[in-house]
Amino acid sequence: MAHETDMAHAQAVQAKYEGMLLAKPNVVGVAVGMATQGGRVTDEVAVVVMVSEKLPEAQLRADDIIPRELDGVRVDVQQTGTFSAG
């Protein structure tokens, strides 16, 4: 049950912040999913921000840094490359 509550909360957070996240450079998508750590999927629900290229924070302007958490939900940045219609 807690997992469903976490998922619903994460979906609300995604809806609230999706526009702001998509406006940042390299962001190609935003979804709710399971966070990853060290290449492994965890059991933690997160707002997943998909980027074409994952850059070190030092190479980004302060306004372009994606927060690690939004409204108590972990934000997981995952490099996916770019998407194109097949």
PDB file of N, CA and C in Angstrom:
ATOM      1  N   MET A   1       0.826  -1.209   0.000  1.00  0.00           N
ATOM      2  CA  MET A   1       0.000   0.000   0.000  1.00  0.00           C
ATOM      3  C   MET A   1       0.856   1.254   0.000  1.00  0.00           C
ATOM      4  N   ALA A   2       1.919   1.251   0.785  1.00  0.00           N
ATOM      5  CA  ALA A   2       2.794   2.426   0.826  1.00  0.00           C
ATOM      6  C   ALA A   2       3.378   2.699  -0.548  1.00  0.00           C
ATOM      7  N   HIS A   3       3.675   1.620  -1.297  1.00  0.00           N
ATOM      8  CA  HIS A   3       4.240   1.768  -2.626  1.00  0.00           C
ATOM      9  C   HIS A   3       3.270   2.514  -3.549  1.00  0.00           C
ATOM     10  N   GLU A   4       1.965   2.164  -3.478  1.00  0.00           N
ATOM     11  CA  GLU A   4       0.951   2.841  -4.292  1.00  0.00           C
ATOM     12  C   GLU A   4       0.832   4.303  -3.899  1.00  0.00           C
ATOM     13  N   THR A   5       0.902   4.594  -2.613  1.00  0.00           N
ATOM     14  CA  THR A   5       0.854   5.976  -2.127  1.00  0.00           C
ATOM     15  C   THR A   5       2.059   6.751  -2.633  1.00  0.00           C
ATOM     16  N   ASP A   6       3.247   6.132  -2.551  1.00  0.00           N
ATOM     17  CA  ASP A   6       4.465   6.774  -3.051  1.00  0.00           C
ATOM     18  C   ASP A   6       4.335   7.069  -4.549  1.00  0.00           C
ATOM     19  N   MET A   7       3.807   6.121  -5.296  1.00  0.00           N
ATOM     20  CA  MET A   7       3.659   6.279  -6.746  1.00  0.00           C
ATOM     21  C   MET A   7       2.690   7.424  -7.057  1.00  0.00           C
ATOM     22  N   ALA A   8       1.569   7.490  -6.352  1.00  0.00           N
ATOM     23  CA  ALA A   8       0.589   8.551  -6.579  1.00  0.00           C
ATOM     24  C   ALA A   8       1.187   9.916  -6.245  1.00  0.00           C
ATOM     25  N   HIS A   9       1.925   9.996  -5.142  1.00  0.00           N
ATOM     26  CA  HIS A   9       2.568  11.254  -4.762  1.00  0.00           C
ATOM     27  C   HIS A   9       3.594  11.655  -5.821  1.00  0.00           C
ATOM     28  N   ALA A  10       4.385  10.702  -6.295  1.00  0.00           N
ATOM     29  CA  ALA A  10       5.394  10.980  -7.319  1.00  0.00           C
ATOM     30  C   ALA A  10       4.732  11.469  -8.608  1.00  0.00           C
ATOM     31  N   GLN A  11       3.581  10.882  -8.969  1.00  0.00           N
ATOM     32  CA  GLN A  11       2.882  11.316 -10.176  1.00  0.00           C
ATOM     33  C   GLN A  11       2.380  12.758 -10.036  1.00  0.00           C
ATOM     34  N   ALA A  12       1.922  13.120  -8.845  1.00  0.00           N
ATOM     35  CA  ALA A  12       1.484  14.495  -8.603  1.00  0.00           C
ATOM     36  C   ALA A  12       2.669  15.456  -8.692  1.00  0.00           C
ATOM     37  N   VAL A  13       3.801  15.049  -8.154  1.00  0.00           N
ATOM     38  CA  VAL A  13       5.012  15.882  -8.208  1.00  0.00           C
ATOM     39  C   VAL A  13       5.476  16.020  -9.658  1.00  0.00           C
ATOM     40  N   GLN A  14       5.435  14.921 -10.412  1.00  0.00           N
ATOM     41  CA  GLN A  14       5.808  14.978 -11.826  1.00  0.00           C
ATOM     42  C   GLN A  14       4.932  15.992 -12.561  1.00  0.00           C
ATOM     43  N   ALA A  15       3.630  15.928 -12.354  1.00  0.00           N
ATOM     44  CA  ALA A  15       2.702  16.829 -13.031  1.00  0.00           C
ATOM     45  C   ALA A  15       2.999  18.286 -12.666  1.00  0.00           C
ATOM     46  N   LYS A  16       3.337  18.517 -11.411  1.00  0.00           N
ATOM     47  CA  LYS A  16       3.592  19.874 -10.924  1.00  0.00           C
ATOM     48  C   LYS A  16       4.872  20.469 -11.523  1.00  0.00           C
ATOM     49  N   TYR A  17       5.915  19.664 -11.664  1.00  0.00           N
ATOM     50  CA  TYR A  17       7.228  20.181 -12.045  1.00  0.00           C
ATOM     51  C   TYR A  17       7.678  19.832 -13.465  1.00  0.00           C
ATOM     52  N   GLU A  18       6.876  19.077 -14.208  1.00  0.00           N
ATOM     53  CA  GLU A  18       7.308  18.597 -15.520  1.00  0.00           C
ATOM     54  C   GLU A  18       7.720  19.729 -16.462  1.00  0.00           C
ATOM     55  N   GLY A  19       6.938  20.776 -16.525  1.00  0.00           N
ATOM     56  CA  GLY A  19       7.263  21.898 -17.412  1.00  0.00           C
ATOM     57  C   GLY A  19       8.586  22.541 -17.066  1.00  0.00           C
ATOM     58  N   MET A  20       8.828  22.751 -15.776  1.00  0.00           N
ATOM     59  CA  MET A  20      10.081  23.339 -15.324  1.00  0.00           C
ATOM     60  C   MET A  20      11.255  22.435 -15.676  1.00  0.00           C
ATOM     61  N   LEU A  21      11.100  21.137 -15.482  1.00  0.00           N
ATOM     62  CA  LEU A  21      12.189  20.199 -15.766  1.00  0.00           C
ATOM     63  C   LEU A  21      12.461  20.111 -17.269  1.00  0.00           C
ATOM     64  N   LEU A  22      11.407  20.052 -18.087  1.00  0.00           N
ATOM     65  CA  LEU A  22      11.578  19.943 -19.533  1.00  0.00           C
ATOM     66  C   LEU A  22      12.224  21.188 -20.138  1.00  0.00           C
ATOM     67  N   ALA A  23      12.144  22.321 -19.441  1.00  0.00           N
ATOM     68  CA  ALA A  23      12.742  23.564 -19.943  1.00  0.00           C
ATOM     69  C   ALA A  23      14.261  23.595 -19.751  1.00  0.00           C
ATOM     70  N   LYS A  24      14.788  22.672 -18.963  1.00  0.00           N
ATOM     71  CA  LYS A  24      16.234  22.658 -18.698  1.00  0.00           C
ATOM     72  C   LYS A  24      16.982  22.018 -19.873  1.00  0.00           C
ATOM     73  N   PRO A  25      18.222  22.473 -20.127  1.00  0.00           N
ATOM     74  CA  PRO A  25      19.004  21.914 -21.228  1.00  0.00           C
ATOM     75  C   PRO A  25      19.220  20.405 -21.061  1.00  0.00           C
ATOM     76  N   ASN A  26      19.239  19.696 -22.157  1.00  0.00           N
ATOM     77  CA  ASN A  26      19.502  18.252 -22.225  1.00  0.00           C
ATOM     78  C   ASN A  26      18.353  17.380 -21.749  1.00  0.00           C
ATOM     79  N   VAL A  27      17.291  17.947 -21.142  1.00  0.00           N
ATOM     80  CA  VAL A  27      16.183  17.123 -20.656  1.00  0.00           C
ATOM     81  C   VAL A  27      15.302  16.741 -21.846  1.00  0.00           C
ATOM     82  N   VAL A  28      15.103  15.424 -22.016  1.00  0.00           N
ATOM     83  CA  VAL A  28      14.303  14.924 -23.137  1.00  0.00           C
ATOM     84  C   VAL A  28      13.014  14.242 -22.681  1.00  0.00           C
ATOM     85  N   GLY A  29      12.857  14.051 -21.370  1.00  0.00           N
ATOM     86  CA  GLY A  29      11.642  13.426 -20.878  1.00  0.00           C
ATOM     87  C   GLY A  29      11.592  13.385 -19.364  1.00  0.00           C
ATOM     88  N   VAL A  30      10.371  13.261 -18.842  1.00  0.00           N
ATOM     89  CA  VAL A  30      10.143  13.163 -17.395  1.00  0.00           C
ATOM     90  C   VAL A  30       9.096  12.082 -17.174  1.00  0.00           C
ATOM     91  N   ALA A  31       9.354  11.195 -16.215  1.00  0.00           N
ATOM     92  CA  ALA A  31       8.426  10.098 -15.940  1.00  0.00           C
ATOM     93  C   ALA A  31       8.515   9.724 -14.462  1.00  0.00           C
ATOM     94  N   VAL A  32       7.608   8.884 -14.037  1.00  0.00           N
ATOM     95  CA  VAL A  32       7.689   8.300 -12.691  1.00  0.00           C
ATOM     96  C   VAL A  32       8.155   6.863 -12.869  1.00  0.00           C
ATOM     97  N   GLY A  33       9.129   6.479 -12.064  1.00  0.00           N
ATOM     98  CA  GLY A  33       9.645   5.120 -12.159  1.00  0.00           C
ATOM     99  C   GLY A  33      10.461   4.790 -10.926  1.00  0.00           C
ATOM    100  N   MET A  34      11.254   3.762 -11.041  1.00  0.00           N
ATOM    101  CA  MET A  34      12.099   3.346  -9.931  1.00  0.00           C
ATOM    102  C   MET A  34      13.476   3.987 -10.103  1.00  0.00           C
ATOM    103  N   ALA A  35      14.011   4.493  -9.012  1.00  0.00           N
ATOM    104  CA  ALA A  35      15.335   5.106  -9.043  1.00  0.00           C
ATOM    105  C   ALA A  35      16.390   4.039  -9.306  1.00  0.00           C
ATOM    106  N   THR A  36      17.502   4.475  -9.865  1.00  0.00           N
ATOM    107  CA  THR A  36      18.635   3.580 -10.050  1.00  0.00           C
ATOM    108  C   THR A  36      19.816   4.120  -9.256  1.00  0.00           C
ATOM    109  N   GLN A  37      20.669   3.217  -8.844  1.00  0.00           N
ATOM    110  CA  GLN A  37      21.879   3.613  -8.129  1.00  0.00           C
ATOM    111  C   GLN A  37      22.977   2.638  -8.537  1.00  0.00           C
ATOM    112  N   GLY A  38      24.081   3.171  -9.026  1.00  0.00           N
ATOM    113  CA  GLY A  38      25.174   2.316  -9.458  1.00  0.00           C
ATOM    114  C   GLY A  38      24.777   1.365 -10.568  1.00  0.00           C
ATOM    115  N   GLY A  39      23.846   1.803 -11.423  1.00  0.00           N
ATOM    116  CA  GLY A  39      23.413   0.970 -12.532  1.00  0.00           C
ATOM    117  C   GLY A  39      22.363  -0.069 -12.179  1.00  0.00           C
ATOM    118  N   ARG A  40      21.953  -0.120 -10.920  1.00  0.00           N
ATOM    119  CA  ARG A  40      20.939  -1.094 -10.483  1.00  0.00           C
ATOM    120  C   ARG A  40      19.645  -0.380 -10.095  1.00  0.00           C
ATOM    121  N   VAL A  41      18.535  -1.008 -10.451  1.00  0.00           N
ATOM    122  CA  VAL A  41      17.224  -0.464 -10.089  1.00  0.00           C
ATOM    123  C   VAL A  41      16.992  -0.705  -8.604  1.00  0.00           C
ATOM    124  N   THR A  42      16.521   0.342  -7.909  1.00  0.00           N
ATOM    125  CA  THR A  42      16.216   0.231  -6.480  1.00  0.00           C
ATOM    126  C   THR A  42      14.714   0.074  -6.312  1.00  0.00           C
ATOM    127  N   ASP A  43      14.256  -0.025  -5.076  1.00  0.00           N
ATOM    128  CA  ASP A  43      12.815  -0.102  -4.813  1.00  0.00           C
ATOM    129  C   ASP A  43      12.249   1.258  -4.419  1.00  0.00           C
ATOM    130  N   GLU A  44      12.997   2.328  -4.703  1.00  0.00           N
ATOM    131  CA  GLU A  44      12.560   3.681  -4.353  1.00  0.00           C
ATOM    132  C   GLU A  44      11.879   4.342  -5.548  1.00  0.00           C
ATOM    133  N   VAL A  45      10.633   4.803  -5.346  1.00  0.00           N
ATOM    134  CA  VAL A  45       9.894   5.517  -6.383  1.00  0.00           C
ATOM    135  C   VAL A  45      10.533   6.890  -6.558  1.00  0.00           C
ATOM    136  N   ALA A  46      10.682   7.310  -7.814  1.00  0.00           N
ATOM    137  CA  ALA A  46      11.327   8.584  -8.096  1.00  0.00           C
ATOM    138  C   ALA A  46      10.687   9.252  -9.306  1.00  0.00           C
ATOM    139  N   VAL A  47      10.886  10.559  -9.391  1.00  0.00           N
ATOM    140  CA  VAL A  47      10.626  11.268 -10.630  1.00  0.00           C
ATOM    141  C   VAL A  47      11.905  11.093 -11.446  1.00  0.00           C
ATOM    142  N   VAL A  48      11.785  10.420 -12.586  1.00  0.00           N
ATOM    143  CA  VAL A  48      12.943  10.128 -13.432  1.00  0.00           C
ATOM    144  C   VAL A  48      13.034  11.213 -14.502  1.00  0.00           C
ATOM    145  N   VAL A  49      14.173  11.885 -14.515  1.00  0.00           N
ATOM    146  CA  VAL A  49      14.423  12.917 -15.516  1.00  0.00           C
ATOM    147  C   VAL A  49      15.414  12.333 -16.516  1.00  0.00           C
ATOM    148  N   MET A  50      14.965  12.197 -17.758  1.00  0.00           N
ATOM    149  CA  MET A  50      15.803  11.608 -18.799  1.00  0.00           C
ATOM    150  C   MET A  50      16.537  12.732 -19.535  1.00  0.00           C
ATOM    151  N   VAL A  51      17.848  12.591 -19.620  1.00  0.00           N
ATOM    152  CA  VAL A  51      18.665  13.609 -20.279  1.00  0.00           C
ATOM    153  C   VAL A  51      19.433  12.999 -21.447  1.00  0.00           C
ATOM    154  N   SER A  52      19.694  13.821 -22.456  1.00  0.00           N
ATOM    155  CA  SER A  52      20.457  13.346 -23.608  1.00  0.00           C
ATOM    156  C   SER A  52      21.912  13.126 -23.229  1.00  0.00           C
ATOM    157  N   GLU A  53      22.408  13.948 -22.303  1.00  0.00           N
ATOM    158  CA  GLU A  53      23.787  13.811 -21.827  1.00  0.00           C
ATOM    159  C   GLU A  53      23.843  14.249 -20.375  1.00  0.00           C
ATOM    160  N   LYS A  54      24.379  13.417 -19.516  1.00  0.00           N
ATOM    161  CA  LYS A  54      24.507  13.735 -18.092  1.00  0.00           C
ATOM    162  C   LYS A  54      25.827  14.471 -17.891  1.00  0.00           C
ATOM    163  N   LEU A  55      25.724  15.704 -17.409  1.00  0.00           N
ATOM    164  CA  LEU A  55      26.907  16.549 -17.226  1.00  0.00           C
ATOM    165  C   LEU A  55      27.180  16.768 -15.746  1.00  0.00           C
ATOM    166  N   PRO A  56      28.435  16.975 -15.380  1.00  0.00           N
ATOM    167  CA  PRO A  56      28.748  17.322 -13.989  1.00  0.00           C
ATOM    168  C   PRO A  56      28.119  18.678 -13.642  1.00  0.00           C
ATOM    169  N   GLU A  57      27.667  18.829 -12.398  1.00  0.00           N
ATOM    170  CA  GLU A  57      27.045  20.089 -11.980  1.00  0.00           C
ATOM    171  C   GLU A  57      27.953  21.280 -12.244  1.00  0.00           C
ATOM    172  N   ALA A  58      29.264  21.090 -12.146  1.00  0.00           N
ATOM    173  CA  ALA A  58      30.213  22.188 -12.353  1.00  0.00           C
ATOM    174  C   ALA A  58      30.130  22.757 -13.770  1.00  0.00           C
ATOM    175  N   GLN A  59      29.624  21.975 -14.715  1.00  0.00           N
ATOM    176  CA  GLN A  59      29.506  22.440 -16.099  1.00  0.00           C
ATOM    177  C   GLN A  59      28.150  23.079 -16.394  1.00  0.00           C
ATOM    178  N   LEU A  60      27.281  23.139 -15.394  1.00  0.00           N
ATOM    179  CA  LEU A  60      25.937  23.690 -15.581  1.00  0.00           C
ATOM    180  C   LEU A  60      25.791  25.023 -14.858  1.00  0.00           C
ATOM    181  N   ARG A  61      24.940  25.880 -15.403  1.00  0.00           N
ATOM    182  CA  ARG A  61      24.569  27.095 -14.671  1.00  0.00           C
ATOM    183  C   ARG A  61      23.692  26.679 -13.499  1.00  0.00           C
ATOM    184  N   ALA A  62      23.704  27.465 -12.455  1.00  0.00           N
ATOM    185  CA  ALA A  62      22.922  27.137 -11.250  1.00  0.00           C
ATOM    186  C   ALA A  62      21.450  26.889 -11.595  1.00  0.00           C
ATOM    187  N   ASP A  63      20.882  27.673 -12.519  1.00  0.00           N
ATOM    188  CA  ASP A  63      19.473  27.528 -12.900  1.00  0.00           C
ATOM    189  C   ASP A  63      19.197  26.241 -13.664  1.00  0.00           C
ATOM    190  N   ASP A  64      20.247  25.641 -14.227  1.00  0.00           N
ATOM    191  CA  ASP A  64      20.066  24.440 -15.050  1.00  0.00           C
ATOM    192  C   ASP A  64      20.260  23.138 -14.277  1.00  0.00           C
ATOM    193  N   ILE A  65      20.691  23.230 -13.024  1.00  0.00           N
ATOM    194  CA  ILE A  65      20.896  22.032 -12.212  1.00  0.00           C
ATOM    195  C   ILE A  65      19.544  21.444 -11.822  1.00  0.00           C
ATOM    196  N   ILE A  66      19.400  20.159 -12.016  1.00  0.00           N
ATOM    197  CA  ILE A  66      18.154  19.463 -11.668  1.00  0.00           C
ATOM    198  C   ILE A  66      18.210  19.122 -10.182  1.00  0.00           C
ATOM    199  N   PRO A  67      17.166  19.502  -9.422  1.00  0.00           N
ATOM    200  CA  PRO A  67      17.191  19.216  -7.976  1.00  0.00           C
ATOM    201  C   PRO A  67      17.216  17.721  -7.686  1.00  0.00           C
ATOM    202  N   ARG A  68      17.794  17.353  -6.556  1.00  0.00           N
ATOM    203  CA  ARG A  68      17.873  15.946  -6.160  1.00  0.00           C
ATOM    204  C   ARG A  68      16.548  15.438  -5.587  1.00  0.00           C
ATOM    205  N   GLU A  69      15.693  16.376  -5.192  1.00  0.00           N
ATOM    206  CA  GLU A  69      14.419  16.020  -4.571  1.00  0.00           C
ATOM    207  C   GLU A  69      13.413  17.137  -4.843  1.00  0.00           C
ATOM    208  N   LEU A  70      12.163  16.764  -5.045  1.00  0.00           N
ATOM    209  CA  LEU A  70      11.072  17.718  -5.219  1.00  0.00           C
ATOM    210  C   LEU A  70       9.912  17.283  -4.345  1.00  0.00           C
ATOM    211  N   ASP A  71       9.486  18.139  -3.442  1.00  0.00           N
ATOM    212  CA  ASP A  71       8.341  17.851  -2.566  1.00  0.00           C
ATOM    213  C   ASP A  71       8.457  16.484  -1.894  1.00  0.00           C
ATOM    214  N   GLY A  72       9.675  16.126  -1.468  1.00  0.00           N
ATOM    215  CA  GLY A  72       9.887  14.879  -0.747  1.00  0.00           C
ATOM    216  C   GLY A  72      10.055  13.642  -1.619  1.00  0.00           C
ATOM    217  N   VAL A  73      10.069  13.827  -2.946  1.00  0.00           N
ATOM    218  CA  VAL A  73      10.244  12.700  -3.867  1.00  0.00           C
ATOM    219  C   VAL A  73      11.637  12.788  -4.480  1.00  0.00           C
ATOM    220  N   ARG A  74      12.350  11.679  -4.471  1.00  0.00           N
ATOM    221  CA  ARG A  74      13.682  11.639  -5.073  1.00  0.00           C
ATOM    222  C   ARG A  74      13.578  11.927  -6.564  1.00  0.00           C
ATOM    223  N   VAL A  75      14.550  12.673  -7.069  1.00  0.00           N
ATOM    224  CA  VAL A  75      14.665  12.918  -8.503  1.00  0.00           C
ATOM    225  C   VAL A  75      15.886  12.146  -8.988  1.00  0.00           C
ATOM    226  N   ASP A  76      15.682  11.296  -9.976  1.00  0.00           N
ATOM    227  CA  ASP A  76      16.754  10.461 -10.503  1.00  0.00           C
ATOM    228  C   ASP A  76      17.029  10.866 -11.946  1.00  0.00           C
ATOM    229  N   VAL A  77      18.218  11.395 -12.205  1.00  0.00           N
ATOM    230  CA  VAL A  77      18.600  11.806 -13.551  1.00  0.00           C
ATOM    231  C   VAL A  77      19.239  10.604 -14.246  1.00  0.00           C
ATOM    232  N   GLN A  78      18.697  10.251 -15.401  1.00  0.00           N
ATOM    233  CA  GLN A  78      19.207   9.103 -16.156  1.00  0.00           C
ATOM    234  C   GLN A  78      19.526   9.529 -17.577  1.00  0.00           C
ATOM    235  N   GLN A  79      20.735   9.202 -18.032  1.00  0.00           N
ATOM    236  CA  GLN A  79      21.131   9.516 -19.392  1.00  0.00           C
ATOM    237  C   GLN A  79      20.514   8.508 -20.344  1.00  0.00           C
ATOM    238  N   THR A  80      19.767   9.003 -21.329  1.00  0.00           N
ATOM    239  CA  THR A  80      19.088   8.125 -22.276  1.00  0.00           C
ATOM    240  C   THR A  80      19.512   8.393 -23.710  1.00  0.00           C
ATOM    241  N   GLY A  81      20.228   9.481 -23.947  1.00  0.00           N
ATOM    242  CA  GLY A  81      20.497   9.908 -25.312  1.00  0.00           C
ATOM    243  C   GLY A  81      19.288  10.660 -25.821  1.00  0.00           C
ATOM    244  N   THR A  82      19.244  10.890 -27.111  1.00  0.00           N
ATOM    245  CA  THR A  82      18.108  11.609 -27.688  1.00  0.00           C
ATOM    246  C   THR A  82      17.110  10.620 -28.256  1.00  0.00           C
ATOM    247  N   PHE A  83      15.861  11.044 -28.317  1.00  0.00           N
ATOM    248  CA  PHE A  83      14.786  10.212 -28.868  1.00  0.00           C
ATOM    249  C   PHE A  83      14.413  10.756 -30.244  1.00  0.00           C
ATOM    250  N   SER A  84      14.015   9.876 -31.129  1.00  0.00           N
ATOM    251  CA  SER A  84      13.468  10.323 -32.408  1.00  0.00           C
ATOM    252  C   SER A  84      12.387   9.348 -32.830  1.00  0.00           C
ATOM    253  N   ALA A  85      11.451   9.856 -33.593  1.00  0.00           N
ATOM    254  CA  ALA A  85      10.348   9.018 -34.062  1.00  0.00           C
ATOM    255  C   ALA A  85      10.895   7.994 -35.055  1.00  0.00           C
ATOM    256  N   GLY A  86      10.478   6.753 -34.911  1.00  0.00           N
ATOM    257  CA  GLY A  86      10.952   5.701 -35.803  1.00  0.00           C
ATOM    258  C   GLY A  86      10.153   5.676 -37.030  1.00  0.00           C
TER     259      GLY A  86
END
